[in-house]
Amino acid sequence: MSSVGHLEAFLGSMGNGDVEGAIEHVADNITLRSPIVPTPFEGKMDVANVLSQLLDTVDAFEPKMLLRDGANVVATLTIIFGDHVIDAFDHIHLNDDGLVESMTVAWRPLPAVVAVQQQLAPKLGGQAMQLVPLD
């Protein structure tokens, strides 16, 4: 498989709602840093649970583009949740076998992120937050 073959297969599986297919392309020691809860998720089983809960919560997960520098890749994605459209940027590090070893996820805009966070965080053992405008 090409050096980004695992990543392309991972993102394709996610776009198709196939967590089992996606998780085949991550390292056993994967670390996921999410905007949903402050504590990173460690290991293939925990990350599989996060991905499953995410795909059960959002309406669409659409990979768009990859930017690469060696073993580091930025994947741009669109996530749809109700009326919210989220621009997602995942910094992904690939191990020597091309498997996803770490992911740091950044989303915008903030109101859409909070809307997803309110639904997803409790499923992952976190606390739902709210966005409060300053007067």
Protein backbone atom coordinates (compact mmCIF):
# COMPACT_ATOMS: atom_id res chain seq x y z
CA MET A 1 0.00 0.00 0.00
CA SER A 2 1.34 3.47 -0.82
CA SER A 3 2.56 5.68 1.99
CA VAL A 4 -0.82 7.43 2.13
CA GLY A 5 -2.79 4.36 1.08
CA HIS A 6 -3.83 3.56 4.64
CA LEU A 7 -4.86 7.17 5.21
CA GLU A 8 -6.90 7.31 2.01
CA ALA A 9 -8.60 4.02 2.95
CA PHE A 10 -9.23 5.32 6.49
CA LEU A 11 -10.84 8.54 5.25
CA GLY A 12 -12.83 6.70 2.57
CA SER A 13 -14.20 4.29 5.16
CA MET A 14 -15.12 7.17 7.47
CA GLY A 15 -16.90 8.92 4.60
CA ASN A 16 -18.88 5.71 4.02
CA GLY A 17 -19.75 5.36 7.71
CA ASP A 18 -17.61 2.21 8.04
CA VAL A 19 -15.76 2.42 11.37
CA GLU A 20 -14.62 -1.22 11.18
CA GLY A 21 -13.02 -0.54 7.81
CA ALA A 22 -11.47 2.70 9.04
CA ILE A 23 -9.96 1.24 12.19
CA GLU A 24 -8.00 -1.33 10.13
CA HIS A 25 -5.81 1.56 8.98
CA VAL A 26 -4.78 2.95 12.38
CA ALA A 27 -1.86 1.90 14.57
CA ASP A 28 -2.55 -0.03 17.77
CA ASN A 29 -1.02 2.85 19.78
CA ILE A 30 -2.97 5.65 18.05
CA THR A 31 -3.54 8.92 19.92
CA LEU A 32 -6.55 11.11 19.05
CA ARG A 33 -6.76 14.70 20.29
CA SER A 34 -10.31 15.91 19.80
CA PRO A 35 -12.07 19.27 20.18
CA ILE A 36 -14.91 17.43 21.98
CA VAL A 37 -13.14 16.58 25.26
CA PRO A 38 -9.77 17.83 26.58
CA THR A 39 -8.22 14.43 27.35
CA PRO A 40 -6.68 12.55 24.38
CA PHE A 41 -8.02 9.13 23.44
CA GLU A 42 -5.36 6.40 23.40
CA GLY A 43 -5.35 3.04 21.62
CA LYS A 44 -7.26 1.47 18.78
CA MET A 45 -10.30 0.38 20.83
CA ASP A 46 -10.89 3.81 22.42
CA VAL A 47 -10.46 5.56 19.08
CA ALA A 48 -12.84 3.10 17.41
CA ASN A 49 -15.46 4.02 20.02
CA VAL A 50 -14.93 7.75 19.39
CA LEU A 51 -15.23 7.31 15.63
CA SER A 52 -18.37 5.19 16.03
CA GLN A 53 -20.01 7.75 18.31
CA LEU A 54 -19.00 10.58 15.95
CA LEU A 55 -20.51 8.90 12.91
CA ASP A 56 -23.67 8.05 14.89
CA THR A 57 -23.98 11.73 15.84
CA VAL A 58 -23.23 13.65 12.62
CA ASP A 59 -25.17 13.52 9.37
CA ALA A 60 -22.19 13.43 6.99
CA PHE A 61 -18.39 13.13 7.06
CA GLU A 62 -16.90 14.24 3.75
CA PRO A 63 -13.12 14.06 3.13
CA LYS A 64 -11.97 16.81 0.74
CA MET A 65 -8.21 17.24 0.38
CA LEU A 66 -4.85 16.03 1.72
CA LEU A 67 -1.76 18.20 2.22
CA ARG A 68 1.39 16.22 2.91
CA ASP A 69 4.89 16.77 4.24
CA GLY A 70 6.59 13.40 4.75
CA ALA A 71 4.80 11.43 7.48
CA ASN A 72 2.64 14.43 8.39
CA VAL A 73 -0.63 15.03 6.59
CA VAL A 74 -3.40 17.58 6.96
CA ALA A 75 -6.78 16.26 5.87
CA THR A 76 -9.50 18.80 5.16
CA LEU A 77 -13.07 17.60 5.67
CA THR A 78 -16.62 18.83 5.82
CA ILE A 79 -18.88 17.56 8.59
CA ILE A 80 -22.63 18.12 8.46
CA PHE A 81 -24.67 18.16 11.66
CA GLY A 82 -28.26 19.33 11.22
CA ASP A 83 -28.07 22.89 9.86
CA HIS A 84 -24.39 23.16 10.84
CA VAL A 85 -21.53 22.84 8.37
CA ILE A 86 -18.16 22.26 10.02
CA ASP A 87 -14.79 22.82 8.37
CA ALA A 88 -12.46 20.19 9.83
CA PHE A 89 -8.69 20.09 9.67
CA ASP A 90 -7.02 16.93 10.97
CA HIS A 91 -3.25 16.90 11.50
CA ILE A 92 -2.37 13.25 11.02
CA HIS A 93 0.96 11.54 11.62
CA LEU A 94 1.65 8.24 9.87
CA ASN A 95 3.96 5.59 11.32
CA ASP A 96 6.64 3.77 9.30
CA ASP A 97 4.01 1.33 7.98
CA GLY A 98 1.77 4.18 6.80
CA LEU A 99 -0.83 3.56 9.53
CA VAL A 100 -2.46 6.52 11.27
CA GLU A 101 -0.46 6.95 14.49
CA SER A 102 -1.82 10.25 15.77
CA MET A 103 -4.55 12.74 14.92
CA THR A 104 -5.14 16.24 16.20
CA VAL A 105 -8.55 17.54 15.15
CA ALA A 106 -9.47 21.21 14.67
CA TRP A 107 -12.98 22.34 13.72
CA ARG A 108 -14.69 25.64 12.92
CA PRO A 109 -16.96 27.61 13.30
CA LEU A 110 -17.27 27.57 17.07
CA PRO A 111 -21.11 27.54 17.33
CA ALA A 112 -21.23 24.41 15.13
CA VAL A 113 -18.45 22.75 17.14
CA VAL A 114 -20.34 23.42 20.38
CA ALA A 115 -23.54 21.98 18.88
CA VAL A 116 -21.76 18.70 18.08
CA GLN A 117 -19.88 18.77 21.40
CA GLN A 118 -23.15 19.00 23.33
CA GLN A 119 -24.37 15.76 21.74
CA LEU A 120 -21.09 13.85 21.49
CA ALA A 121 -19.23 14.64 24.74
CA PRO A 122 -21.72 12.89 27.07
CA LYS A 123 -21.48 9.74 24.90
CA LEU A 124 -17.70 9.80 25.45
CA GLY A 125 -17.77 10.42 29.20
CA GLY A 126 -17.30 14.18 28.88
CA GLN A 127 -19.41 17.14 29.91
CA ALA A 128 -21.57 19.08 27.45
CA MET A 129 -20.57 22.73 27.18
CA GLN A 130 -22.39 25.80 26.03
CA LEU A 131 -21.35 28.87 24.11
CA VAL A 132 -22.38 31.99 25.99
CA PRO A 133 -22.16 35.34 24.18
CA LEU A 134 -20.83 38.24 26.24
CA ASP A 135 -23.22 41.17 26.48
